[in-house]
């Protein structure tokens, strides 16, 4: 998969749990896990915006192309 999701990296830097992040952005921990593990086929801009706001980062900090 050429697009790599680095949510784990940002969670570790922010010392935040998956459950806490899911609650803050308003999605289930299971749906966040799908995204976090790179199994998602798409991500909504509203979800990406919420992730960036909660983790205080830019979209490029969460997604990269290999």
N, C-alpha and C. Protein backbone atom coordinates (compact mmCIF):
# COMPACT_ATOMS: atom_id res chain seq x y z
N UNK A 1 0.85 -1.19 0.00
CA UNK A 1 0.00 0.00 0.00
C UNK A 1 0.88 1.24 0.00
N UNK A 2 0.77 2.08 -1.00
CA UNK A 2 1.67 3.23 -1.09
C UNK A 2 1.37 4.35 -0.10
N UNK A 3 0.13 4.47 0.40
CA UNK A 3 -0.19 5.48 1.40
C UNK A 3 -0.07 4.84 2.77
N UNK A 4 0.77 5.43 3.62
CA UNK A 4 1.01 4.92 4.96
C UNK A 4 0.36 5.87 5.96
N UNK A 5 -0.36 5.31 6.93
CA UNK A 5 -1.04 6.09 7.96
C UNK A 5 -0.18 6.05 9.23
N UNK A 6 0.21 7.23 9.70
CA UNK A 6 1.09 7.35 10.86
C UNK A 6 0.36 7.87 12.11
N UNK A 7 -0.87 7.46 12.29
CA UNK A 7 -1.61 7.90 13.48
C UNK A 7 -0.93 7.39 14.75
N UNK A 8 -0.39 6.16 14.71
CA UNK A 8 0.31 5.61 15.87
C UNK A 8 1.45 6.51 16.33
N UNK A 9 2.18 7.05 15.37
CA UNK A 9 3.31 7.92 15.69
C UNK A 9 2.84 9.16 16.44
N UNK A 10 1.77 9.77 15.91
CA UNK A 10 1.25 10.98 16.55
C UNK A 10 0.63 10.68 17.91
N UNK A 11 -0.02 9.53 18.03
CA UNK A 11 -0.59 9.14 19.34
C UNK A 11 0.53 9.00 20.36
N UNK A 12 1.63 8.38 19.97
CA UNK A 12 2.75 8.21 20.89
C UNK A 12 3.37 9.56 21.26
N UNK A 13 3.53 10.44 20.28
CA UNK A 13 4.10 11.77 20.56
C UNK A 13 3.21 12.57 21.50
N UNK A 14 1.90 12.40 21.37
CA UNK A 14 0.95 13.16 22.20
C UNK A 14 0.58 12.41 23.48
N UNK A 15 1.11 11.18 23.63
CA UNK A 15 0.80 10.35 24.80
C UNK A 15 -0.71 10.23 24.99
N UNK A 16 -1.37 9.84 23.90
CA UNK A 16 -2.82 9.74 23.88
C UNK A 16 -3.20 8.30 23.50
N UNK A 17 -4.27 7.79 24.06
CA UNK A 17 -4.73 6.44 23.73
C UNK A 17 -5.67 6.49 22.53
N UNK A 18 -5.84 5.34 21.89
CA UNK A 18 -6.76 5.24 20.76
C UNK A 18 -8.18 5.56 21.22
N UNK A 19 -8.58 5.05 22.37
CA UNK A 19 -9.91 5.31 22.89
C UNK A 19 -10.16 6.78 23.15
N UNK A 20 -9.17 7.44 23.72
CA UNK A 20 -9.29 8.87 24.00
C UNK A 20 -9.41 9.67 22.71
N UNK A 21 -8.60 9.33 21.71
CA UNK A 21 -8.66 10.03 20.43
C UNK A 21 -10.00 9.79 19.75
N UNK A 22 -10.46 8.55 19.75
CA UNK A 22 -11.75 8.23 19.13
C UNK A 22 -12.87 9.04 19.76
N UNK A 23 -12.85 9.14 21.08
CA UNK A 23 -13.88 9.91 21.78
C UNK A 23 -13.81 11.39 21.41
N UNK A 24 -12.59 11.93 21.33
CA UNK A 24 -12.42 13.35 21.00
C UNK A 24 -12.88 13.70 19.60
N UNK A 25 -12.71 12.77 18.65
CA UNK A 25 -13.09 13.09 17.27
C UNK A 25 -14.47 12.56 16.89
N UNK A 26 -15.08 11.78 17.78
CA UNK A 26 -16.46 11.36 17.56
C UNK A 26 -16.63 10.15 16.64
N UNK A 27 -15.66 9.23 16.65
CA UNK A 27 -15.83 7.97 15.92
C UNK A 27 -15.57 6.82 16.88
N UNK A 28 -15.96 5.62 16.48
CA UNK A 28 -15.77 4.47 17.36
C UNK A 28 -14.29 4.06 17.35
N UNK A 29 -13.83 3.48 18.45
CA UNK A 29 -12.46 2.97 18.47
C UNK A 29 -12.21 1.94 17.36
N UNK A 30 -13.22 1.16 17.01
CA UNK A 30 -13.07 0.17 15.93
C UNK A 30 -12.83 0.86 14.59
N UNK A 31 -13.57 1.92 14.30
CA UNK A 31 -13.37 2.65 13.05
C UNK A 31 -12.01 3.35 13.03
N UNK A 32 -11.59 3.87 14.17
CA UNK A 32 -10.27 4.49 14.24
C UNK A 32 -9.19 3.44 14.02
N UNK A 33 -9.38 2.25 14.56
CA UNK A 33 -8.40 1.17 14.37
C UNK A 33 -8.28 0.79 12.90
N UNK A 34 -9.39 0.75 12.18
CA UNK A 34 -9.36 0.46 10.74
C UNK A 34 -8.51 1.50 10.02
N UNK A 35 -8.72 2.76 10.34
CA UNK A 35 -7.95 3.83 9.73
C UNK A 35 -6.48 3.77 10.15
N UNK A 36 -6.26 3.57 11.43
CA UNK A 36 -4.91 3.54 12.00
C UNK A 36 -4.07 2.41 11.43
N UNK A 37 -4.70 1.28 11.17
CA UNK A 37 -3.97 0.11 10.68
C UNK A 37 -3.84 0.07 9.16
N UNK A 38 -4.29 1.12 8.49
CA UNK A 38 -4.14 1.20 7.04
C UNK A 38 -5.11 0.35 6.26
N UNK A 39 -6.20 -0.08 6.88
CA UNK A 39 -7.18 -0.92 6.19
C UNK A 39 -8.33 -0.11 5.58
N UNK A 40 -8.37 1.18 5.83
CA UNK A 40 -9.44 2.02 5.30
C UNK A 40 -9.22 2.27 3.81
N UNK A 41 -10.30 2.29 3.06
CA UNK A 41 -10.23 2.57 1.63
C UNK A 41 -10.29 4.07 1.36
N UNK A 42 -10.82 4.83 2.32
CA UNK A 42 -10.97 6.28 2.16
C UNK A 42 -11.04 6.92 3.54
N UNK A 43 -10.83 8.22 3.57
CA UNK A 43 -11.01 8.98 4.81
C UNK A 43 -11.71 10.29 4.45
N UNK A 44 -12.70 10.63 5.21
CA UNK A 44 -13.43 11.89 4.97
C UNK A 44 -12.58 13.06 5.43
N UNK A 45 -12.71 14.16 4.72
CA UNK A 45 -11.98 15.36 5.11
C UNK A 45 -12.39 15.82 6.50
N UNK A 46 -13.64 15.63 6.87
CA UNK A 46 -14.08 16.04 8.20
C UNK A 46 -13.38 15.20 9.28
N UNK A 47 -13.17 13.91 8.99
CA UNK A 47 -12.45 13.05 9.93
C UNK A 47 -10.99 13.45 10.00
N UNK A 48 -10.38 13.71 8.84
CA UNK A 48 -8.98 14.14 8.81
C UNK A 48 -8.81 15.47 9.54
N UNK A 49 -9.74 16.37 9.35
CA UNK A 49 -9.70 17.65 10.05
C UNK A 49 -9.79 17.45 11.56
N UNK A 50 -10.69 16.59 12.00
CA UNK A 50 -10.86 16.32 13.43
C UNK A 50 -9.61 15.67 14.01
N UNK A 51 -9.00 14.75 13.26
CA UNK A 51 -7.74 14.12 13.71
C UNK A 51 -6.65 15.18 13.87
N UNK A 52 -6.51 16.04 12.88
CA UNK A 52 -5.48 17.08 12.94
C UNK A 52 -5.71 18.04 14.10
N UNK A 53 -6.97 18.38 14.34
CA UNK A 53 -7.28 19.29 15.45
C UNK A 53 -6.97 18.62 16.79
N UNK A 54 -7.40 17.37 16.95
CA UNK A 54 -7.20 16.67 18.22
C UNK A 54 -5.72 16.40 18.49
N UNK A 55 -4.96 16.09 17.43
CA UNK A 55 -3.54 15.76 17.59
C UNK A 55 -2.61 16.95 17.38
N UNK A 56 -3.22 18.10 17.05
CA UNK A 56 -2.46 19.33 16.80
C UNK A 56 -1.34 19.08 15.80
N UNK A 57 -1.75 18.64 14.60
CA UNK A 57 -0.79 18.33 13.56
C UNK A 57 -1.35 18.69 12.20
N UNK A 58 -0.57 18.46 11.17
CA UNK A 58 -0.97 18.68 9.79
C UNK A 58 -1.31 17.34 9.14
N UNK A 59 -2.12 17.33 8.07
CA UNK A 59 -2.44 16.08 7.40
C UNK A 59 -1.20 15.28 6.98
N UNK A 60 -0.15 15.96 6.59
CA UNK A 60 1.09 15.29 6.21
C UNK A 60 1.79 14.59 7.36
N UNK A 61 1.42 14.94 8.59
CA UNK A 61 1.97 14.24 9.75
C UNK A 61 1.29 12.88 9.94
N UNK A 62 0.10 12.73 9.38
CA UNK A 62 -0.68 11.51 9.55
C UNK A 62 -0.63 10.59 8.34
N UNK A 63 -0.46 11.16 7.16
CA UNK A 63 -0.46 10.39 5.91
C UNK A 63 0.80 10.67 5.13
N UNK A 64 1.40 9.61 4.59
CA UNK A 64 2.57 9.79 3.72
C UNK A 64 2.53 8.76 2.61
N UNK A 65 3.18 9.09 1.52
CA UNK A 65 3.23 8.21 0.37
C UNK A 65 4.58 7.55 0.30
N UNK A 66 4.58 6.24 0.11
CA UNK A 66 5.84 5.50 -0.04
C UNK A 66 5.97 4.99 -1.44
